[in-house]
Amino acid sequence: MDTLKTNLKPIENLVRSFGIQLGHTLNVVTESDIEEIGGTPDIEVAVDGAPTGYIELKKPGMGGDPSRFTGRNAQQWQKFKAIPNLIYTDGNAWGLYRSGQRIGEVIDIGEIDKRGVSGLKLAATSDFFNIISQFLSWEPIPPTSPRGLAKQLAPLCRFLRDDVLRAVKIPILLSTNSQVNGVALFSRCKRRRVC
C-alpha cells in the first residue's frame, strides 16, 4: 500500500483548509478498503452536513486521469465513474469527474510527494483552488421528469447491484432464464441496458 493511502491526513487537511477558505464546515471520513466488494473511495466529504463527493487516492506517479489506468485500477474506474462528484489524485495531479465526465483539465500541482510544500507549482494554485471549489460546491441536480430520474439513478443502481452481487457471491448471468433458488431474476426485463 502506498504512503498516500496509509497517511490520509495531509489530503484531509488540505481539503479542510480549502473548505474553511470557502466558508464551509467539512466532515471528512476515510473509508477502509473492502477488497471483497471491489473497494470504496478513500475519502468521503460532506459540506455543511450534506454528502458532497469522494476522493480516490492513487500512488504517486499514477496521475489523476483514470482513462490512462490499466488492470485493476481501470476496473475500479468502471465502477467509480457512476459517482456524481469524484476527485482522482495521486497527490500531484488532480482531476474532477462528474458521473464519469472530466470537468476541466487534470491539474498538476507539482512534486508534492517528493518535495512537500517546496514542490508546489505556484502557477497551478488558482487552477487547483478552482477544482477544489467546484468539488466542494457540488449540489445534486434534481430530475424534472420520470425519464430524468431513471437516467440519474440507473448508474447508481448498477453500482449498488454489482456490490450486492459481489457481497453475496452469487453468480448471475443476465439472461431471461437466470434463477437463484428457483426465483427468476430479470425474467421480464426486455431492455437489458437498464436492468
C-alpha atoms as a PDB file:
ATOM      1  CA  MET A   1       0.000   0.000   0.000  1.00  0.00           C
ATOM      2  CA  ASP A   2       1.363   3.430  -0.926  1.00  0.00           C
ATOM      3  CA  THR A   3       2.112   6.264   1.504  1.00  0.00           C
ATOM      4  CA  LEU A   4      -0.876   8.387   0.443  1.00  0.00           C
ATOM      5  CA  LYS A   5      -3.312   5.670   1.490  1.00  0.00           C
ATOM      6  CA  THR A   6      -1.521   4.839   4.725  1.00  0.00           C
ATOM      7  CA  ASN A   7      -1.446   8.503   5.736  1.00  0.00           C
ATOM      8  CA  LEU A   8      -4.572  10.296   4.538  1.00  0.00           C
ATOM      9  CA  LYS A   9      -4.167  13.217   6.970  1.00  0.00           C
ATOM     10  CA  PRO A  10      -2.310  15.548   4.552  1.00  0.00           C
ATOM     11  CA  ILE A  11      -5.060  15.218   1.939  1.00  0.00           C
ATOM     12  CA  GLU A  12      -7.779  15.568   4.594  1.00  0.00           C
ATOM     13  CA  ASN A  13      -6.104  18.690   5.994  1.00  0.00           C
ATOM     14  CA  LEU A  14      -5.658  20.193   2.536  1.00  0.00           C
ATOM     15  CA  VAL A  15      -9.329  19.710   1.626  1.00  0.00           C
ATOM     16  CA  ARG A  16     -10.448  21.003   5.044  1.00  0.00           C
ATOM     17  CA  SER A  17      -8.309  24.133   4.695  1.00  0.00           C
ATOM     18  CA  PHE A  18      -9.866  24.922   1.312  1.00  0.00           C
ATOM     19  CA  GLY A  19     -13.314  24.337   2.793  1.00  0.00           C
ATOM     20  CA  ILE A  20     -12.582  26.848   5.556  1.00  0.00           C
ATOM     21  CA  GLN A  21     -11.398  29.363   2.941  1.00  0.00           C
ATOM     22  CA  LEU A  22     -14.729  28.915   1.159  1.00  0.00           C
ATOM     23  CA  GLY A  23     -16.705  29.319   4.407  1.00  0.00           C
ATOM     24  CA  HIS A  24     -17.779  25.676   4.756  1.00  0.00           C
ATOM     25  CA  THR A  25     -17.700  23.222   7.616  1.00  0.00           C
ATOM     26  CA  LEU A  26     -16.402  19.900   6.296  1.00  0.00           C
ATOM     27  CA  ASN A  27     -16.770  16.398   7.596  1.00  0.00           C
ATOM     28  CA  VAL A  28     -14.070  14.220   6.057  1.00  0.00           C
ATOM     29  CA  VAL A  29     -14.410  10.470   6.546  1.00  0.00           C
ATOM     30  CA  THR A  30     -11.790   7.976   5.431  1.00  0.00           C
ATOM     31  CA  GLU A  31     -13.075   4.700   4.057  1.00  0.00           C
ATOM     32  CA  SER A  32     -11.497   1.336   4.732  1.00  0.00           C
ATOM     33  CA  ASP A  33     -10.586  -0.708   1.687  1.00  0.00           C
ATOM     34  CA  ILE A  34     -13.027  -3.607   1.349  1.00  0.00           C
ATOM     35  CA  GLU A  35     -11.418  -5.981  -1.133  1.00  0.00           C
ATOM     36  CA  GLU A  36     -14.285  -8.446  -1.380  1.00  0.00           C
ATOM     37  CA  ILE A  37     -16.640  -5.831  -2.887  1.00  0.00           C
ATOM     38  CA  GLY A  38     -14.042  -4.137  -5.059  1.00  0.00           C
ATOM     39  CA  GLY A  39     -13.083  -1.269  -2.771  1.00  0.00           C
ATOM     40  CA  THR A  40     -14.584   2.052  -1.832  1.00  0.00           C
ATOM     41  CA  PRO A  41     -13.362   5.591  -2.487  1.00  0.00           C
ATOM     42  CA  ASP A  42     -10.703   6.527   0.057  1.00  0.00           C
ATOM     43  CA  ILE A  43     -12.246   9.742   1.352  1.00  0.00           C
ATOM     44  CA  GLU A  44     -15.858  10.878   1.649  1.00  0.00           C
ATOM     45  CA  VAL A  45     -16.503  14.607   2.015  1.00  0.00           C
ATOM     46  CA  ALA A  46     -19.633  16.227   3.457  1.00  0.00           C
ATOM     47  CA  VAL A  47     -20.062  20.006   3.223  1.00  0.00           C
ATOM     48  CA  ASP A  48     -22.165  21.680   5.914  1.00  0.00           C
ATOM     49  CA  GLY A  49     -23.592  18.258   6.822  1.00  0.00           C
ATOM     50  CA  ALA A  50     -24.582  17.200   3.293  1.00  0.00           C
ATOM     51  CA  PRO A  51     -22.710  14.402   1.477  1.00  0.00           C
ATOM     52  CA  THR A  52     -20.889  16.101  -1.383  1.00  0.00           C
ATOM     53  CA  GLY A  53     -18.370  13.771  -3.010  1.00  0.00           C
ATOM     54  CA  TYR A  54     -15.462  11.374  -2.824  1.00  0.00           C
ATOM     55  CA  ILE A  55     -11.717  11.499  -3.305  1.00  0.00           C
ATOM     56  CA  GLU A  56      -9.864   8.464  -4.638  1.00  0.00           C
ATOM     57  CA  LEU A  57      -6.138   8.398  -3.932  1.00  0.00           C
ATOM     58  CA  LYS A  58      -3.634   6.699  -6.187  1.00  0.00           C
ATOM     59  CA  LYS A  59       0.042   6.055  -5.664  1.00  0.00           C
ATOM     60  CA  PRO A  60       2.332   8.909  -6.721  1.00  0.00           C
ATOM     61  CA  GLY A  61       3.049   8.863 -10.423  1.00  0.00           C
ATOM     62  CA  MET A  62      -0.324   7.393 -11.472  1.00  0.00           C
ATOM     63  CA  GLY A  63      -1.845  10.800 -12.131  1.00  0.00           C
ATOM     64  CA  GLY A  64      -5.435  11.970 -11.892  1.00  0.00           C
ATOM     65  CA  ASP A  65      -6.737  10.726 -15.252  1.00  0.00           C
ATOM     66  CA  PRO A  66      -8.407   7.302 -14.904  1.00  0.00           C
ATOM     67  CA  SER A  67      -8.708   6.910 -18.689  1.00  0.00           C
ATOM     68  CA  ARG A  68      -4.980   6.079 -18.603  1.00  0.00           C
ATOM     69  CA  PHE A  69      -5.344   3.378 -15.948  1.00  0.00           C
ATOM     70  CA  THR A  70      -4.973  -0.320 -16.686  1.00  0.00           C
ATOM     71  CA  GLY A  71      -5.788  -3.559 -14.903  1.00  0.00           C
ATOM     72  CA  ARG A  72      -7.437  -3.331 -11.502  1.00  0.00           C
ATOM     73  CA  ASN A  73      -7.399   0.475 -11.493  1.00  0.00           C
ATOM     74  CA  ALA A  74      -9.257   0.550 -14.836  1.00  0.00           C
ATOM     75  CA  GLN A  75     -11.831  -1.899 -13.450  1.00  0.00           C
ATOM     76  CA  GLN A  76     -12.229   0.286 -10.378  1.00  0.00           C
ATOM     77  CA  TRP A  77     -12.808   3.317 -12.617  1.00  0.00           C
ATOM     78  CA  GLN A  78     -15.616   1.441 -14.410  1.00  0.00           C
ATOM     79  CA  LYS A  79     -17.323   1.159 -11.027  1.00  0.00           C
ATOM     80  CA  PHE A  80     -16.461   4.610  -9.667  1.00  0.00           C
ATOM     81  CA  LYS A  81     -17.458   6.580 -12.768  1.00  0.00           C
ATOM     82  CA  ALA A  82     -21.088   6.290 -11.609  1.00  0.00           C
ATOM     83  CA  ILE A  83     -20.237   8.573  -8.674  1.00  0.00           C
ATOM     84  CA  PRO A  84     -21.629  12.045  -9.399  1.00  0.00           C
ATOM     85  CA  ASN A  85     -18.786  14.047  -7.786  1.00  0.00           C
ATOM     86  CA  LEU A  86     -15.330  12.462  -7.566  1.00  0.00           C
ATOM     87  CA  ILE A  87     -11.718  13.601  -7.465  1.00  0.00           C
ATOM     88  CA  TYR A  88      -8.920  11.283  -8.571  1.00  0.00           C
ATOM     89  CA  THR A  89      -5.476  12.285  -7.320  1.00  0.00           C
ATOM     90  CA  ASP A  90      -2.005  10.932  -6.738  1.00  0.00           C
ATOM     91  CA  GLY A  91      -1.244  13.984  -4.584  1.00  0.00           C
ATOM     92  CA  ASN A  92       0.442  15.744  -7.502  1.00  0.00           C
ATOM     93  CA  ALA A  93      -2.194  15.553 -10.262  1.00  0.00           C
ATOM     94  CA  TRP A  94      -5.847  16.296  -9.500  1.00  0.00           C
ATOM     95  CA  GLY A  95      -8.845  15.565 -11.738  1.00  0.00           C
ATOM     96  CA  LEU A  96     -12.523  16.279 -11.063  1.00  0.00           C
ATOM     97  CA  TYR A  97     -15.156  13.921 -12.515  1.00  0.00           C
ATOM     98  CA  ARG A  98     -18.935  14.142 -12.559  1.00  0.00           C
ATOM     99  CA  SER A  99     -20.654  10.854 -13.399  1.00  0.00           C
ATOM    100  CA  GLY A 100     -17.631   9.728 -15.400  1.00  0.00           C
ATOM    101  CA  GLN A 101     -17.094  13.011 -17.272  1.00  0.00           C
ATOM    102  CA  ARG A 102     -13.950  15.006 -16.553  1.00  0.00           C
ATOM    103  CA  ILE A 103     -14.622  18.613 -15.588  1.00  0.00           C
ATOM    104  CA  GLY A 104     -11.860  20.826 -16.933  1.00  0.00           C
ATOM    105  CA  GLU A 105      -8.279  19.661 -17.143  1.00  0.00           C
ATOM    106  CA  VAL A 106      -6.290  17.447 -14.789  1.00  0.00           C
ATOM    107  CA  ILE A 107      -4.154  19.862 -12.771  1.00  0.00           C
ATOM    108  CA  ASP A 108      -0.525  19.081 -11.945  1.00  0.00           C
ATOM    109  CA  ILE A 109       0.308  20.985  -8.761  1.00  0.00           C
ATOM    110  CA  GLY A 110       3.949  19.878  -8.534  1.00  0.00           C
ATOM    111  CA  GLU A 111       6.085  17.238  -6.848  1.00  0.00           C
ATOM    112  CA  ILE A 112       4.308  17.249  -3.528  1.00  0.00           C
ATOM    113  CA  ASP A 113       5.077  13.561  -2.935  1.00  0.00           C
ATOM    114  CA  LYS A 114       8.850  14.143  -3.233  1.00  0.00           C
ATOM    115  CA  ARG A 115       9.394  17.711  -2.083  1.00  0.00           C
ATOM    116  CA  GLY A 116       6.407  18.575   0.080  1.00  0.00           C
ATOM    117  CA  VAL A 117       5.274  22.211   0.032  1.00  0.00           C
ATOM    118  CA  SER A 118       8.502  23.305  -1.688  1.00  0.00           C
ATOM    119  CA  GLY A 119       7.453  21.173  -4.693  1.00  0.00           C
ATOM    120  CA  LEU A 120       4.241  23.170  -5.200  1.00  0.00           C
ATOM    121  CA  LYS A 121       3.910  24.907  -8.570  1.00  0.00           C
ATOM    122  CA  LEU A 122       2.647  28.354  -7.639  1.00  0.00           C
ATOM    123  CA  ALA A 123       1.285  28.850 -11.163  1.00  0.00           C
ATOM    124  CA  ALA A 124      -1.098  25.923 -10.606  1.00  0.00           C
ATOM    125  CA  THR A 125      -2.604  27.130  -7.323  1.00  0.00           C
ATOM    126  CA  SER A 126      -5.523  29.076  -8.837  1.00  0.00           C
ATOM    127  CA  ASP A 127      -6.493  26.116 -11.075  1.00  0.00           C
ATOM    128  CA  PHE A 128      -6.183  23.782  -8.095  1.00  0.00           C
ATOM    129  CA  PHE A 129      -8.327  26.083  -5.946  1.00  0.00           C
ATOM    130  CA  ASN A 130     -10.903  26.097  -8.770  1.00  0.00           C
ATOM    131  CA  ILE A 131     -11.086  22.274  -8.833  1.00  0.00           C
ATOM    132  CA  ILE A 132     -11.495  22.053  -5.057  1.00  0.00           C
ATOM    133  CA  SER A 133     -14.048  24.881  -5.092  1.00  0.00           C
ATOM    134  CA  GLN A 134     -16.122  23.119  -7.790  1.00  0.00           C
ATOM    135  CA  PHE A 135     -15.859  19.838  -5.895  1.00  0.00           C
ATOM    136  CA  LEU A 136     -17.000  21.354  -2.589  1.00  0.00           C
ATOM    137  CA  SER A 137     -19.819  23.401  -4.141  1.00  0.00           C
ATOM    138  CA  TRP A 138     -21.423  20.472  -5.990  1.00  0.00           C
ATOM    139  CA  GLU A 139     -25.127  20.016  -5.428  1.00  0.00           C
ATOM    140  CA  PRO A 140     -27.310  17.301  -6.888  1.00  0.00           C
ATOM    141  CA  ILE A 141     -29.415  18.343  -9.858  1.00  0.00           C
ATOM    142  CA  PRO A 142     -32.986  17.246  -9.174  1.00  0.00           C
ATOM    143  CA  PRO A 143     -34.590  15.466 -12.126  1.00  0.00           C
ATOM    144  CA  THR A 144     -37.560  17.186 -13.744  1.00  0.00           C
ATOM    145  CA  SER A 145     -39.192  14.105 -15.259  1.00  0.00           C
ATOM    146  CA  PRO A 146     -39.524  10.370 -14.608  1.00  0.00           C
ATOM    147  CA  ARG A 147     -37.123   9.730 -17.524  1.00  0.00           C
ATOM    148  CA  GLY A 148     -34.619  12.144 -15.954  1.00  0.00           C
ATOM    149  CA  LEU A 149     -34.935  10.352 -12.624  1.00  0.00           C
ATOM    150  CA  ALA A 150     -34.369   6.950 -14.267  1.00  0.00           C
ATOM    151  CA  LYS A 151     -31.338   8.280 -16.157  1.00  0.00           C
ATOM    152  CA  GLN A 152     -29.870   9.689 -12.947  1.00  0.00           C
ATOM    153  CA  LEU A 153     -30.499   6.570 -10.858  1.00  0.00           C
ATOM    154  CA  ALA A 154     -29.546   3.867 -13.397  1.00  0.00           C
ATOM    155  CA  PRO A 155     -25.743   4.162 -12.966  1.00  0.00           C
ATOM    156  CA  LEU A 156     -26.075   4.250  -9.181  1.00  0.00           C
ATOM    157  CA  CYS A 157     -28.346   1.190  -9.241  1.00  0.00           C
ATOM    158  CA  ARG A 158     -25.806  -0.699 -11.377  1.00  0.00           C
ATOM    159  CA  PHE A 159     -23.106   0.376  -8.897  1.00  0.00           C
ATOM    160  CA  LEU A 160     -25.191  -0.973  -5.996  1.00  0.00           C
ATOM    161  CA  ARG A 161     -26.212  -4.134  -7.872  1.00  0.00           C
ATOM    162  CA  ASP A 162     -22.588  -5.013  -8.569  1.00  0.00           C
ATOM    163  CA  ASP A 163     -21.665  -4.528  -4.908  1.00  0.00           C
ATOM    164  CA  VAL A 164     -24.576  -6.642  -3.677  1.00  0.00           C
ATOM    165  CA  LEU A 165     -23.770  -9.446  -6.110  1.00  0.00           C
ATOM    166  CA  ARG A 166     -20.124  -9.468  -5.025  1.00  0.00           C
ATOM    167  CA  ALA A 167     -21.126  -9.368  -1.363  1.00  0.00           C
ATOM    168  CA  VAL A 168     -23.388 -12.385  -1.595  1.00  0.00           C
ATOM    169  CA  LYS A 169     -21.135 -14.077  -4.152  1.00  0.00           C
ATOM    170  CA  ILE A 170     -23.997 -15.332  -6.301  1.00  0.00           C
ATOM    171  CA  PRO A 171     -23.016 -15.621  -9.950  1.00  0.00           C
ATOM    172  CA  ILE A 172     -25.895 -14.342 -12.009  1.00  0.00           C
ATOM    173  CA  LEU A 173     -25.908 -14.321 -15.790  1.00  0.00           C
ATOM    174  CA  LEU A 174     -28.136 -11.552 -17.024  1.00  0.00           C
ATOM    175  CA  SER A 175     -30.383 -13.651 -19.188  1.00  0.00           C
ATOM    176  CA  THR A 176     -34.104 -14.128 -19.260  1.00  0.00           C
ATOM    177  CA  ASN A 177     -33.712 -17.517 -17.562  1.00  0.00           C
ATOM    178  CA  SER A 178     -31.432 -16.588 -14.637  1.00  0.00           C
ATOM    179  CA  GLN A 179     -32.640 -18.213 -11.439  1.00  0.00           C
ATOM    180  CA  VAL A 180     -31.471 -18.229  -7.834  1.00  0.00           C
ATOM    181  CA  ASN A 181     -33.185 -20.707  -5.515  1.00  0.00           C
ATOM    182  CA  GLY A 182     -35.958 -21.143  -8.051  1.00  0.00           C
ATOM    183  CA  VAL A 183     -36.752 -17.421  -8.276  1.00  0.00           C
ATOM    184  CA  ALA A 184     -36.404 -15.944 -11.740  1.00  0.00           C
ATOM    185  CA  LEU A 185     -34.417 -12.721 -11.816  1.00  0.00           C
ATOM    186  CA  PHE A 186     -34.830 -10.173 -14.596  1.00  0.00           C
ATOM    187  CA  SER A 187     -37.252 -12.535 -16.347  1.00  0.00           C
ATOM    188  CA  ARG A 188     -39.491  -9.719 -17.534  1.00  0.00           C
ATOM    189  CA  CYS A 189     -36.619  -7.424 -18.467  1.00  0.00           C
ATOM    190  CA  LYS A 190     -36.697  -6.631 -22.161  1.00  0.00           C
ATOM    191  CA  ARG A 191     -34.255  -3.703 -22.021  1.00  0.00           C
ATOM    192  CA  ARG A 192     -31.070  -5.206 -20.540  1.00  0.00           C
ATOM    193  CA  ARG A 193     -29.177  -1.937 -20.633  1.00  0.00           C
ATOM    194  CA  VAL A 194     -31.406  -0.655 -17.818  1.00  0.00           C
ATOM    195  CA  CYS A 195     -31.567  -3.869 -15.746  1.00  0.00           C
END
